[in-house]
Amino acid sequence: MPQPKLKREILRRTRQFHSRRYLHERITSADMILIVEKGSLPRTATKGNVRRKATEEAYRTLLDKIYGTEWTGTS
């Protein structure tokens, strides 16, 4: 499936879920969705969960472009 079509489908399928979220929690545009290659997200060795901090670091440039912010590495 082409990326633009996949992004629109993700938005369509999550629309009902997002209607119950606060405005700042919603994905409001297909431009906010990143499609990455299968197996490219850093995972934990034991359970295989996605390592959030490592993922944010790996995709920092793209995330900064989407959100228009500089990442400081602090929460």
PDB file of N, CA and C in Angstrom:
ATOM      1  N   MET A   1       0.856  -1.173   0.000  1.00  0.00           N
ATOM      2  CA  MET A   1       0.000   0.000   0.000  1.00  0.00           C
ATOM      3  C   MET A   1       0.907   1.243   0.000  1.00  0.00           C
ATOM      4  N   PRO A   2       0.644   2.197  -0.861  1.00  0.00           N
ATOM      5  CA  PRO A   2       1.437   3.438  -0.877  1.00  0.00           C
ATOM      6  C   PRO A   2       1.328   4.180   0.453  1.00  0.00           C
ATOM      7  N   GLN A   3       2.420   4.845   0.865  1.00  0.00           N
ATOM      8  CA  GLN A   3       2.443   5.519   2.160  1.00  0.00           C
ATOM      9  C   GLN A   3       1.322   6.533   2.361  1.00  0.00           C
ATOM     10  N   PRO A   4       1.025   7.411   1.400  1.00  0.00           N
ATOM     11  CA  PRO A   4      -0.073   8.362   1.631  1.00  0.00           C
ATOM     12  C   PRO A   4      -1.409   7.672   1.902  1.00  0.00           C
ATOM     13  N   LYS A   5      -1.677   6.598   1.183  1.00  0.00           N
ATOM     14  CA  LYS A   5      -2.923   5.867   1.386  1.00  0.00           C
ATOM     15  C   LYS A   5      -2.928   5.180   2.753  1.00  0.00           C
ATOM     16  N   LEU A   6      -1.792   4.603   3.148  1.00  0.00           N
ATOM     17  CA  LEU A   6      -1.683   3.950   4.449  1.00  0.00           C
ATOM     18  C   LEU A   6      -1.888   4.961   5.573  1.00  0.00           C
ATOM     19  N   LYS A   7      -1.309   6.137   5.450  1.00  0.00           N
ATOM     20  CA  LYS A   7      -1.473   7.175   6.462  1.00  0.00           C
ATOM     21  C   LYS A   7      -2.944   7.591   6.593  1.00  0.00           C
ATOM     22  N   ARG A   8      -3.616   7.750   5.475  1.00  0.00           N
ATOM     23  CA  ARG A   8      -5.047   8.101   5.516  1.00  0.00           C
ATOM     24  C   ARG A   8      -5.858   6.990   6.178  1.00  0.00           C
ATOM     25  N   GLU A   9      -5.506   5.748   5.921  1.00  0.00           N
ATOM     26  CA  GLU A   9      -6.211   4.614   6.518  1.00  0.00           C
ATOM     27  C   GLU A   9      -5.988   4.578   8.031  1.00  0.00           C
ATOM     28  N   ILE A  10      -4.777   4.886   8.476  1.00  0.00           N
ATOM     29  CA  ILE A  10      -4.502   4.946   9.915  1.00  0.00           C
ATOM     30  C   ILE A  10      -5.367   6.024  10.557  1.00  0.00           C
ATOM     31  N   LEU A  11      -5.429   7.196   9.940  1.00  0.00           N
ATOM     32  CA  LEU A  11      -6.276   8.271  10.466  1.00  0.00           C
ATOM     33  C   LEU A  11      -7.741   7.849  10.531  1.00  0.00           C
ATOM     34  N   ARG A  12      -8.213   7.200   9.479  1.00  0.00           N
ATOM     35  CA  ARG A  12      -9.606   6.763   9.436  1.00  0.00           C
ATOM     36  C   ARG A  12      -9.904   5.768  10.559  1.00  0.00           C
ATOM     37  N   ARG A  13      -9.013   4.813  10.757  1.00  0.00           N
ATOM     38  CA  ARG A  13      -9.253   3.774  11.758  1.00  0.00           C
ATOM     39  C   ARG A  13      -9.123   4.283  13.192  1.00  0.00           C
ATOM     40  N   THR A  14      -8.400   5.352  13.407  1.00  0.00           N
ATOM     41  CA  THR A  14      -8.215   5.867  14.762  1.00  0.00           C
ATOM     42  C   THR A  14      -9.114   7.069  15.069  1.00  0.00           C
ATOM     43  N   ARG A  15      -9.919   7.486  14.119  1.00  0.00           N
ATOM     44  CA  ARG A  15     -10.766   8.675  14.286  1.00  0.00           C
ATOM     45  C   ARG A  15     -11.659   8.584  15.521  1.00  0.00           C
ATOM     46  N   GLN A  16     -12.336   7.467  15.728  1.00  0.00           N
ATOM     47  CA  GLN A  16     -13.231   7.325  16.868  1.00  0.00           C
ATOM     48  C   GLN A  16     -12.445   7.389  18.181  1.00  0.00           C
ATOM     49  N   PHE A  17     -11.295   6.730  18.233  1.00  0.00           N
ATOM     50  CA  PHE A  17     -10.457   6.775  19.429  1.00  0.00           C
ATOM     51  C   PHE A  17     -10.034   8.211  19.736  1.00  0.00           C
ATOM     52  N   HIS A  18      -9.590   8.937  18.725  1.00  0.00           N
ATOM     53  CA  HIS A  18      -9.118  10.299  18.937  1.00  0.00           C
ATOM     54  C   HIS A  18     -10.236  11.268  19.325  1.00  0.00           C
ATOM     55  N   SER A  19     -11.458  10.956  18.990  1.00  0.00           N
ATOM     56  CA  SER A  19     -12.566  11.838  19.358  1.00  0.00           C
ATOM     57  C   SER A  19     -12.741  11.902  20.872  1.00  0.00           C
ATOM     58  N   ARG A  20     -12.202  10.914  21.586  1.00  0.00           N
ATOM     59  CA  ARG A  20     -12.304  10.884  23.051  1.00  0.00           C
ATOM     60  C   ARG A  20     -11.038  11.393  23.736  1.00  0.00           C
ATOM     61  N   ARG A  21     -10.085  11.872  22.996  1.00  0.00           N
ATOM     62  CA  ARG A  21      -8.821  12.370  23.544  1.00  0.00           C
ATOM     63  C   ARG A  21      -8.843  13.887  23.637  1.00  0.00           C
ATOM     64  N   TYR A  22      -7.965  14.421  24.506  1.00  0.00           N
ATOM     65  CA  TYR A  22      -7.770  15.865  24.551  1.00  0.00           C
ATOM     66  C   TYR A  22      -7.157  16.316  23.221  1.00  0.00           C
ATOM     67  N   LEU A  23      -7.339  17.569  22.881  1.00  0.00           N
ATOM     68  CA  LEU A  23      -6.830  18.085  21.608  1.00  0.00           C
ATOM     69  C   LEU A  23      -5.345  17.842  21.432  1.00  0.00           C
ATOM     70  N   HIS A  24      -4.556  18.022  22.485  1.00  0.00           N
ATOM     71  CA  HIS A  24      -3.109  17.854  22.363  1.00  0.00           C
ATOM     72  C   HIS A  24      -2.688  16.385  22.258  1.00  0.00           C
ATOM     73  N   GLU A  25      -3.607  15.455  22.463  1.00  0.00           N
ATOM     74  CA  GLU A  25      -3.307  14.025  22.366  1.00  0.00           C
ATOM     75  C   GLU A  25      -3.679  13.430  21.008  1.00  0.00           C
ATOM     76  N   ARG A  26      -4.314  14.189  20.175  1.00  0.00           N
ATOM     77  CA  ARG A  26      -4.848  13.662  18.915  1.00  0.00           C
ATOM     78  C   ARG A  26      -3.846  13.737  17.774  1.00  0.00           C
ATOM     79  N   ILE A  27      -3.909  12.753  16.906  1.00  0.00           N
ATOM     80  CA  ILE A  27      -3.197  12.807  15.632  1.00  0.00           C
ATOM     81  C   ILE A  27      -4.172  13.463  14.668  1.00  0.00           C
ATOM     82  N   THR A  28      -3.847  14.667  14.249  1.00  0.00           N
ATOM     83  CA  THR A  28      -4.792  15.458  13.468  1.00  0.00           C
ATOM     84  C   THR A  28      -4.457  15.525  11.984  1.00  0.00           C
ATOM     85  N   SER A  29      -3.301  15.015  11.607  1.00  0.00           N
ATOM     86  CA  SER A  29      -2.877  15.118  10.219  1.00  0.00           C
ATOM     87  C   SER A  29      -2.051  13.893   9.836  1.00  0.00           C
ATOM     88  N   ALA A  30      -2.163  13.487   8.590  1.00  0.00           N
ATOM     89  CA  ALA A  30      -1.351  12.373   8.095  1.00  0.00           C
ATOM     90  C   ALA A  30       0.134  12.726   8.125  1.00  0.00           C
ATOM     91  N   ASP A  31       0.460  14.015   8.148  1.00  0.00           N
ATOM     92  CA  ASP A  31       1.855  14.445   8.219  1.00  0.00           C
ATOM     93  C   ASP A  31       2.495  14.089   9.563  1.00  0.00           C
ATOM     94  N   MET A  32       1.679  13.791  10.561  1.00  0.00           N
ATOM     95  CA  MET A  32       2.183  13.431  11.887  1.00  0.00           C
ATOM     96  C   MET A  32       2.462  11.935  12.017  1.00  0.00           C
ATOM     97  N   ILE A  33       2.230  11.171  10.974  1.00  0.00           N
ATOM     98  CA  ILE A  33       2.415   9.725  11.003  1.00  0.00           C
ATOM     99  C   ILE A  33       3.694   9.372  10.251  1.00  0.00           C
ATOM    100  N   LEU A  34       4.564   8.594  10.897  1.00  0.00           N
ATOM    101  CA  LEU A  34       5.783   8.118  10.271  1.00  0.00           C
ATOM    102  C   LEU A  34       5.628   6.640   9.936  1.00  0.00           C
ATOM    103  N   ILE A  35       5.971   6.283   8.729  1.00  0.00           N
ATOM    104  CA  ILE A  35       5.968   4.884   8.314  1.00  0.00           C
ATOM    105  C   ILE A  35       7.433   4.461   8.240  1.00  0.00           C
ATOM    106  N   VAL A  36       7.803   3.448   9.017  1.00  0.00           N
ATOM    107  CA  VAL A  36       9.192   2.985   9.036  1.00  0.00           C
ATOM    108  C   VAL A  36       9.251   1.537   8.569  1.00  0.00           C
ATOM    109  N   GLU A  37      10.429   1.126   8.183  1.00  0.00           N
ATOM    110  CA  GLU A  37      10.632  -0.245   7.702  1.00  0.00           C
ATOM    111  C   GLU A  37      10.385  -1.246   8.830  1.00  0.00           C
ATOM    112  N   LYS A  38       9.834  -2.383   8.491  1.00  0.00           N
ATOM    113  CA  LYS A  38       9.598  -3.442   9.459  1.00  0.00           C
ATOM    114  C   LYS A  38      10.937  -3.863  10.073  1.00  0.00           C
ATOM    115  N   GLY A  39      10.960  -3.955  11.394  1.00  0.00           N
ATOM    116  CA  GLY A  39      12.159  -4.379  12.102  1.00  0.00           C
ATOM    117  C   GLY A  39      13.145  -3.255  12.392  1.00  0.00           C
ATOM    118  N   SER A  40      12.794  -2.012  12.060  1.00  0.00           N
ATOM    119  CA  SER A  40      13.746  -0.911  12.242  1.00  0.00           C
ATOM    120  C   SER A  40      13.656  -0.245  13.616  1.00  0.00           C
ATOM    121  N   LEU A  41      12.642  -0.549  14.400  1.00  0.00           N
ATOM    122  CA  LEU A  41      12.511   0.072  15.715  1.00  0.00           C
ATOM    123  C   LEU A  41      13.339  -0.698  16.749  1.00  0.00           C
ATOM    124  N   PRO A  42      14.097   0.024  17.594  1.00  0.00           N
ATOM    125  CA  PRO A  42      14.880  -0.647  18.634  1.00  0.00           C
ATOM    126  C   PRO A  42      13.948  -1.323  19.643  1.00  0.00           C
ATOM    127  N   ARG A  43      14.282  -2.548  19.998  1.00  0.00           N
ATOM    128  CA  ARG A  43      13.424  -3.320  20.906  1.00  0.00           C
ATOM    129  C   ARG A  43      14.226  -3.875  22.073  1.00  0.00           C
ATOM    130  N   THR A  44      13.494  -4.197  23.153  1.00  0.00           N
ATOM    131  CA  THR A  44      14.148  -4.814  24.306  1.00  0.00           C
ATOM    132  C   THR A  44      14.502  -6.256  23.951  1.00  0.00           C
ATOM    133  N   ALA A  45      15.541  -6.757  24.600  1.00  0.00           N
ATOM    134  CA  ALA A  45      16.018  -8.112  24.306  1.00  0.00           C
ATOM    135  C   ALA A  45      15.080  -9.189  24.823  1.00  0.00           C
ATOM    136  N   THR A  46      14.409  -8.937  25.937  1.00  0.00           N
ATOM    137  CA  THR A  46      13.611  -9.991  26.554  1.00  0.00           C
ATOM    138  C   THR A  46      12.200 -10.098  25.998  1.00  0.00           C
ATOM    139  N   LYS A  47      11.432  -9.007  26.069  1.00  0.00           N
ATOM    140  CA  LYS A  47      10.031  -9.066  25.653  1.00  0.00           C
ATOM    141  C   LYS A  47       9.802  -8.540  24.237  1.00  0.00           C
ATOM    142  N   GLY A  48      10.766  -7.839  23.688  1.00  0.00           N
ATOM    143  CA  GLY A  48      10.602  -7.311  22.341  1.00  0.00           C
ATOM    144  C   GLY A  48       9.792  -6.033  22.263  1.00  0.00           C
ATOM    145  N   ASN A  49       9.615  -5.361  23.404  1.00  0.00           N
ATOM    146  CA  ASN A  49       8.895  -4.084  23.398  1.00  0.00           C
ATOM    147  C   ASN A  49       9.734  -3.009  22.703  1.00  0.00           C
ATOM    148  N   VAL A  50       9.072  -2.045  22.109  1.00  0.00           N
ATOM    149  CA  VAL A  50       9.771  -0.929  21.479  1.00  0.00           C
ATOM    150  C   VAL A  50      10.397  -0.076  22.577  1.00  0.00           C
ATOM    151  N   ARG A  51      11.687   0.251  22.415  1.00  0.00           N
ATOM    152  CA  ARG A  51      12.398   1.115  23.372  1.00  0.00           C
ATOM    153  C   ARG A  51      12.137   2.564  22.966  1.00  0.00           C
ATOM    154  N   ARG A  52      11.266   3.226  23.720  1.00  0.00           N
ATOM    155  CA  ARG A  52      10.794   4.568  23.352  1.00  0.00           C
ATOM    156  C   ARG A  52      11.922   5.584  23.228  1.00  0.00           C
ATOM    157  N   LYS A  53      12.777   5.686  24.230  1.00  0.00           N
ATOM    158  CA  LYS A  53      13.847   6.693  24.206  1.00  0.00           C
ATOM    159  C   LYS A  53      14.799   6.452  23.034  1.00  0.00           C
ATOM    160  N   ALA A  54      15.174   5.212  22.797  1.00  0.00           N
ATOM    161  CA  ALA A  54      16.067   4.885  21.689  1.00  0.00           C
ATOM    162  C   ALA A  54      15.398   5.193  20.348  1.00  0.00           C
ATOM    163  N   THR A  55      14.092   4.952  20.258  1.00  0.00           N
ATOM    164  CA  THR A  55      13.342   5.262  19.037  1.00  0.00           C
ATOM    165  C   THR A  55      13.299   6.759  18.808  1.00  0.00           C
ATOM    166  N   GLU A  56      13.018   7.528  19.875  1.00  0.00           N
ATOM    167  CA  GLU A  56      12.996   8.992  19.754  1.00  0.00           C
ATOM    168  C   GLU A  56      14.345   9.528  19.304  1.00  0.00           C
ATOM    169  N   GLU A  57      15.432   8.949  19.823  1.00  0.00           N
ATOM    170  CA  GLU A  57      16.770   9.384  19.416  1.00  0.00           C
ATOM    171  C   GLU A  57      17.044   9.019  17.953  1.00  0.00           C
ATOM    172  N   ALA A  58      16.639   7.817  17.548  1.00  0.00           N
ATOM    173  CA  ALA A  58      16.886   7.360  16.184  1.00  0.00           C
ATOM    174  C   ALA A  58      16.130   8.187  15.148  1.00  0.00           C
ATOM    175  N   TYR A  59      14.942   8.651  15.513  1.00  0.00           N
ATOM    176  CA  TYR A  59      14.088   9.396  14.587  1.00  0.00           C
ATOM    177  C   TYR A  59      13.969  10.873  14.974  1.00  0.00           C
ATOM    178  N   ARG A  60      14.942  11.370  15.728  1.00  0.00           N
ATOM    179  CA  ARG A  60      14.903  12.746  16.237  1.00  0.00           C
ATOM    180  C   ARG A  60      14.708  13.778  15.132  1.00  0.00           C
ATOM    181  N   THR A  61      15.433  13.671  14.043  1.00  0.00           N
ATOM    182  CA  THR A  61      15.330  14.651  12.960  1.00  0.00           C
ATOM    183  C   THR A  61      13.923  14.695  12.384  1.00  0.00           C
ATOM    184  N   LEU A  62      13.341  13.550  12.125  1.00  0.00           N
ATOM    185  CA  LEU A  62      11.980  13.501  11.581  1.00  0.00           C
ATOM    186  C   LEU A  62      10.957  14.014  12.585  1.00  0.00           C
ATOM    187  N   LEU A  63      11.110  13.638  13.850  1.00  0.00           N
ATOM    188  CA  LEU A  63      10.168  14.094  14.879  1.00  0.00           C
ATOM    189  C   LEU A  63      10.250  15.605  15.066  1.00  0.00           C
ATOM    190  N   ASP A  64      11.471  16.154  15.051  1.00  0.00           N
ATOM    191  CA  ASP A  64      11.622  17.603  15.160  1.00  0.00           C
ATOM    192  C   ASP A  64      10.970  18.314  13.979  1.00  0.00           C
ATOM    193  N   LYS A  65      11.069  17.716  12.813  1.00  0.00           N
ATOM    194  CA  LYS A  65      10.457  18.307  11.629  1.00  0.00           C
ATOM    195  C   LYS A  65       8.923  18.313  11.754  1.00  0.00           C
ATOM    196  N   ILE A  66       8.363  17.219  12.239  1.00  0.00           N
ATOM    197  CA  ILE A  66       6.912  17.103  12.398  1.00  0.00           C
ATOM    198  C   ILE A  66       6.399  18.088  13.440  1.00  0.00           C
ATOM    199  N   TYR A  67       7.043  18.112  14.601  1.00  0.00           N
ATOM    200  CA  TYR A  67       6.550  18.912  15.710  1.00  0.00           C
ATOM    201  C   TYR A  67       7.156  20.305  15.759  1.00  0.00           C
ATOM    202  N   GLY A  68       8.169  20.584  14.925  1.00  0.00           N
ATOM    203  CA  GLY A  68       8.758  21.900  14.867  1.00  0.00           C
ATOM    204  C   GLY A  68       9.415  22.344  16.147  1.00  0.00           C
ATOM    205  N   THR A  69      10.040  21.381  16.840  1.00  0.00           N
ATOM    206  CA  THR A  69      10.687  21.692  18.111  1.00  0.00           C
ATOM    207  C   THR A  69      12.093  21.128  18.134  1.00  0.00           C
ATOM    208  N   GLU A  70      12.886  21.633  19.034  1.00  0.00           N
ATOM    209  CA  GLU A  70      14.203  21.068  19.297  1.00  0.00           C
ATOM    210  C   GLU A  70      14.080  20.104  20.453  1.00  0.00           C
ATOM    211  N   TRP A  71      14.582  18.909  20.293  1.00  0.00           N
ATOM    212  CA  TRP A  71      14.524  17.896  21.338  1.00  0.00           C
ATOM    213  C   TRP A  71      15.664  18.130  22.307  1.00  0.00           C
ATOM    214  N   THR A  72      15.378  18.161  23.613  1.00  0.00           N
ATOM    215  CA  THR A  72      16.397  18.437  24.609  1.00  0.00           C
ATOM    216  C   THR A  72      16.857  17.188  25.338  1.00  0.00           C
ATOM    217  N   GLY A  73      16.134  16.106  25.197  1.00  0.00           N
ATOM    218  CA  GLY A  73      16.518  14.874  25.867  1.00  0.00           C
ATOM    219  C   GLY A  73      16.057  14.806  27.311  1.00  0.00           C
ATOM    220  N   THR A  74      15.268  15.780  27.764  1.00  0.00           N
ATOM    221  CA  THR A  74      14.752  15.755  29.128  1.00  0.00           C
ATOM    222  C   THR A  74      13.243  15.687  29.086  1.00  0.00           C
ATOM    223  N   SER A  75      12.676  15.120  30.103  1.00  0.00           N
ATOM    224  CA  SER A  75      11.208  15.017  30.167  1.00  0.00           C
ATOM    225  C   SER A  75      10.630  16.061  31.064  1.00  0.00           C
TER     226      SER A  75
END
